[in-house]
Amino acid sequence: MADPAQKQTLQALFAITPLDPTEKIAKVLEIYSTLNIRQEVEKAIHNEFLQAEEMLNSITVDDEKKATLRQLRDALLGRKK
């Protein structure tokens, strides 16, 4: 995804621990935005959600017993951090 310059910048940013991380965070977020990282992560989460649903459907157990797992899955899907 990232070109060599972006990779080098990210590696340099991740290697430092500034007293005020504001600028570091802004630079990382700018690169992530350019690379559409949010959309890529959301796609990956959606794919994992579908895979979890398929796995739950393949288990031969009453749906009532799967309800707790589905609730956990839904809670994890809805969280922000």
N, C-alpha and C. Protein backbone atom coordinates (compact mmCIF):
# COMPACT_ATOMS: atom_id res chain seq x y z
N MET A 1 0.80 -1.18 0.00
CA MET A 1 0.00 0.00 0.00
C MET A 1 0.86 1.26 0.00
N ALA A 2 1.72 1.37 0.98
CA ALA A 2 2.54 2.58 1.09
C ALA A 2 3.72 2.50 0.12
N ASP A 3 4.07 3.64 -0.44
CA ASP A 3 5.25 3.68 -1.29
C ASP A 3 6.48 3.72 -0.39
N PRO A 4 7.68 3.54 -0.96
CA PRO A 4 8.88 3.50 -0.12
C PRO A 4 9.07 4.74 0.75
N ALA A 5 8.75 5.91 0.24
CA ALA A 5 8.92 7.14 1.04
C ALA A 5 7.96 7.15 2.22
N GLN A 6 6.73 6.72 1.99
CA GLN A 6 5.75 6.67 3.07
C GLN A 6 6.17 5.65 4.12
N LYS A 7 6.66 4.49 3.67
CA LYS A 7 7.12 3.47 4.61
C LYS A 7 8.26 4.01 5.47
N GLN A 8 9.20 4.68 4.82
CA GLN A 8 10.35 5.23 5.54
C GLN A 8 9.89 6.28 6.56
N THR A 9 8.98 7.13 6.16
CA THR A 9 8.46 8.16 7.07
C THR A 9 7.76 7.52 8.26
N LEU A 10 6.90 6.53 7.99
CA LEU A 10 6.19 5.86 9.08
C LEU A 10 7.16 5.16 10.03
N GLN A 11 8.16 4.48 9.48
CA GLN A 11 9.13 3.79 10.33
C GLN A 11 9.88 4.79 11.21
N ALA A 12 10.24 5.94 10.63
CA ALA A 12 10.94 6.97 11.41
C ALA A 12 10.02 7.52 12.50
N LEU A 13 8.77 7.75 12.16
CA LEU A 13 7.83 8.28 13.15
C LEU A 13 7.58 7.28 14.28
N PHE A 14 7.46 6.01 13.94
CA PHE A 14 7.21 4.99 14.97
C PHE A 14 8.44 4.75 15.85
N ALA A 15 9.61 5.14 15.38
CA ALA A 15 10.84 4.92 16.13
C ALA A 15 11.10 6.00 17.18
N ILE A 16 10.37 7.11 17.11
CA ILE A 16 10.62 8.21 18.04
C ILE A 16 9.54 8.30 19.11
N THR A 17 9.90 8.90 20.23
CA THR A 17 8.95 9.15 21.31
C THR A 17 9.09 10.61 21.72
N PRO A 18 8.40 11.48 21.00
CA PRO A 18 8.54 12.91 21.32
C PRO A 18 7.82 13.27 22.62
N LEU A 19 8.26 14.35 23.24
CA LEU A 19 7.59 14.82 24.45
C LEU A 19 6.15 15.22 24.14
N ASP A 20 5.96 15.88 23.00
CA ASP A 20 4.61 16.26 22.55
C ASP A 20 4.34 15.50 21.25
N PRO A 21 3.52 14.46 21.32
CA PRO A 21 3.30 13.61 20.15
C PRO A 21 2.31 14.18 19.12
N THR A 22 1.84 15.40 19.31
CA THR A 22 0.81 15.98 18.45
C THR A 22 1.21 15.97 16.98
N GLU A 23 2.42 16.43 16.69
CA GLU A 23 2.87 16.49 15.30
C GLU A 23 3.06 15.08 14.72
N LYS A 24 3.60 14.19 15.53
CA LYS A 24 3.80 12.81 15.09
C LYS A 24 2.45 12.18 14.73
N ILE A 25 1.47 12.34 15.58
CA ILE A 25 0.13 11.78 15.33
C ILE A 25 -0.47 12.36 14.07
N ALA A 26 -0.33 13.67 13.89
CA ALA A 26 -0.89 14.32 12.71
C ALA A 26 -0.25 13.78 11.42
N LYS A 27 1.06 13.57 11.45
CA LYS A 27 1.75 13.06 10.25
C LYS A 27 1.32 11.63 9.95
N VAL A 28 1.22 10.80 10.98
CA VAL A 28 0.80 9.41 10.78
C VAL A 28 -0.63 9.37 10.23
N LEU A 29 -1.52 10.16 10.82
CA LEU A 29 -2.91 10.20 10.36
C LEU A 29 -3.01 10.69 8.92
N GLU A 30 -2.16 11.63 8.56
CA GLU A 30 -2.16 12.14 7.18
C GLU A 30 -1.79 11.03 6.19
N ILE A 31 -0.77 10.27 6.53
CA ILE A 31 -0.36 9.16 5.66
C ILE A 31 -1.45 8.10 5.62
N TYR A 32 -2.00 7.76 6.77
CA TYR A 32 -3.08 6.77 6.82
C TYR A 32 -4.27 7.22 5.97
N SER A 33 -4.57 8.49 6.03
CA SER A 33 -5.68 9.02 5.24
C SER A 33 -5.40 8.90 3.75
N THR A 34 -4.19 9.22 3.35
CA THR A 34 -3.78 9.11 1.96
C THR A 34 -3.89 7.67 1.46
N LEU A 35 -3.60 6.73 2.35
CA LEU A 35 -3.62 5.31 1.99
C LEU A 35 -4.99 4.66 2.17
N ASN A 36 -5.99 5.44 2.59
CA ASN A 36 -7.34 4.92 2.83
C ASN A 36 -7.34 3.76 3.84
N ILE A 37 -6.54 3.90 4.87
CA ILE A 37 -6.42 2.84 5.87
C ILE A 37 -7.76 2.56 6.55
N ARG A 38 -8.52 3.60 6.87
CA ARG A 38 -9.81 3.40 7.55
C ARG A 38 -10.70 2.48 6.71
N GLN A 39 -10.79 2.75 5.41
CA GLN A 39 -11.65 1.93 4.55
C GLN A 39 -11.14 0.50 4.45
N GLU A 40 -9.83 0.34 4.39
CA GLU A 40 -9.25 -1.01 4.32
C GLU A 40 -9.54 -1.78 5.60
N VAL A 41 -9.42 -1.13 6.74
CA VAL A 41 -9.69 -1.79 8.02
C VAL A 41 -11.17 -2.14 8.13
N GLU A 42 -12.03 -1.23 7.70
CA GLU A 42 -13.46 -1.51 7.75
C GLU A 42 -13.82 -2.71 6.86
N LYS A 43 -13.17 -2.81 5.71
CA LYS A 43 -13.39 -3.97 4.83
C LYS A 43 -12.94 -5.26 5.52
N ALA A 44 -11.77 -5.21 6.16
CA ALA A 44 -11.25 -6.39 6.86
C ALA A 44 -12.18 -6.79 8.01
N ILE A 45 -12.68 -5.82 8.75
CA ILE A 45 -13.60 -6.11 9.85
C ILE A 45 -14.87 -6.76 9.30
N HIS A 46 -15.39 -6.21 8.22
CA HIS A 46 -16.60 -6.77 7.61
C HIS A 46 -16.37 -8.21 7.17
N ASN A 47 -15.22 -8.48 6.56
CA ASN A 47 -14.90 -9.85 6.13
C ASN A 47 -14.80 -10.81 7.31
N GLU A 48 -14.20 -10.34 8.40
CA GLU A 48 -14.11 -11.18 9.61
C GLU A 48 -15.50 -11.43 10.18
N PHE A 49 -16.36 -10.42 10.14
CA PHE A 49 -17.74 -10.56 10.60
C PHE A 49 -18.46 -11.64 9.80
N LEU A 50 -18.31 -11.59 8.47
CA LEU A 50 -18.95 -12.59 7.61
C LEU A 50 -18.41 -13.98 7.89
N GLN A 51 -17.11 -14.07 8.09
CA GLN A 51 -16.50 -15.37 8.38
C GLN A 51 -17.00 -15.91 9.73
N ALA A 52 -17.13 -15.04 10.72
CA ALA A 52 -17.65 -15.47 12.02
C ALA A 52 -19.08 -15.96 11.88
N GLU A 53 -19.89 -15.27 11.08
CA GLU A 53 -21.28 -15.69 10.87
C GLU A 53 -21.33 -17.06 10.19
N GLU A 54 -20.48 -17.27 9.19
CA GLU A 54 -20.43 -18.57 8.52
C GLU A 54 -20.04 -19.68 9.49
N MET A 55 -19.08 -19.39 10.34
CA MET A 55 -18.63 -20.40 11.31
C MET A 55 -19.74 -20.71 12.31
N LEU A 56 -20.41 -19.68 12.78
CA LEU A 56 -21.53 -19.92 13.71
C LEU A 56 -22.62 -20.74 13.04
N ASN A 57 -22.92 -20.43 11.80
CA ASN A 57 -23.95 -21.16 11.07
C ASN A 57 -23.57 -22.62 10.83
N SER A 58 -22.27 -22.90 10.75
CA SER A 58 -21.84 -24.26 10.46
C SER A 58 -21.84 -25.16 11.69
N ILE A 59 -21.92 -24.58 12.86
CA ILE A 59 -21.93 -25.36 14.11
C ILE A 59 -23.33 -25.93 14.31
N THR A 60 -23.39 -27.22 14.56
CA THR A 60 -24.69 -27.87 14.74
C THR A 60 -25.09 -27.83 16.21
N VAL A 61 -25.51 -26.65 16.63
CA VAL A 61 -25.98 -26.41 17.99
C VAL A 61 -27.22 -25.53 17.87
N ASP A 62 -28.12 -25.65 18.83
CA ASP A 62 -29.32 -24.82 18.83
C ASP A 62 -28.95 -23.33 18.74
N ASP A 63 -29.75 -22.58 18.01
CA ASP A 63 -29.50 -21.15 17.86
C ASP A 63 -29.50 -20.43 19.20
N GLU A 64 -30.29 -20.90 20.14
CA GLU A 64 -30.33 -20.30 21.46
C GLU A 64 -28.95 -20.33 22.12
N LYS A 65 -28.22 -21.41 21.90
CA LYS A 65 -26.90 -21.55 22.50
C LYS A 65 -25.86 -20.70 21.76
N LYS A 66 -26.14 -20.34 20.54
CA LYS A 66 -25.23 -19.49 19.76
C LYS A 66 -25.47 -18.01 20.05
N ALA A 67 -26.57 -17.70 20.69
CA ALA A 67 -26.97 -16.30 20.91
C ALA A 67 -25.90 -15.50 21.65
N THR A 68 -25.28 -16.09 22.66
CA THR A 68 -24.25 -15.39 23.42
C THR A 68 -23.06 -15.05 22.54
N LEU A 69 -22.67 -16.00 21.71
CA LEU A 69 -21.55 -15.74 20.79
C LEU A 69 -21.91 -14.64 19.79
N ARG A 70 -23.12 -14.65 19.32
CA ARG A 70 -23.56 -13.60 18.38
C ARG A 70 -23.59 -12.23 19.07
N GLN A 71 -24.02 -12.21 20.33
CA GLN A 71 -24.03 -10.95 21.08
C GLN A 71 -22.61 -10.41 21.25
N LEU A 72 -21.68 -11.29 21.56
CA LEU A 72 -20.28 -10.89 21.70
C LEU A 72 -19.75 -10.37 20.37
N ARG A 73 -20.02 -11.10 19.31
CA ARG A 73 -19.58 -10.69 17.98
C ARG A 73 -20.13 -9.31 17.63
N ASP A 74 -21.41 -9.10 17.89
CA ASP A 74 -22.04 -7.81 17.58
C ASP A 74 -21.47 -6.69 18.43
N ALA A 75 -21.18 -6.98 19.70
CA ALA A 75 -20.59 -5.97 20.58
C ALA A 75 -19.21 -5.58 20.09
N LEU A 76 -18.43 -6.57 19.67
CA LEU A 76 -17.09 -6.29 19.16
C LEU A 76 -17.16 -5.51 17.86
N LEU A 77 -18.12 -5.81 17.03
CA LEU A 77 -18.26 -5.11 15.76
C LEU A 77 -18.64 -3.65 15.99
N GLY A 78 -19.44 -3.39 17.01
CA GLY A 78 -19.91 -2.04 17.25
C GLY A 78 -18.96 -1.15 18.03
N ARG A 79 -17.88 -1.72 18.59
CA ARG A 79 -16.99 -0.89 19.39
C ARG A 79 -16.12 0.00 18.51
N LYS A 80 -15.68 1.09 19.08
CA LYS A 80 -14.89 2.07 18.33
C LYS A 80 -13.40 1.94 18.58
N LYS A 81 -13.01 1.42 19.73
CA LYS A 81 -11.58 1.27 20.03
C LYS A 81 -11.32 -0.07 20.63
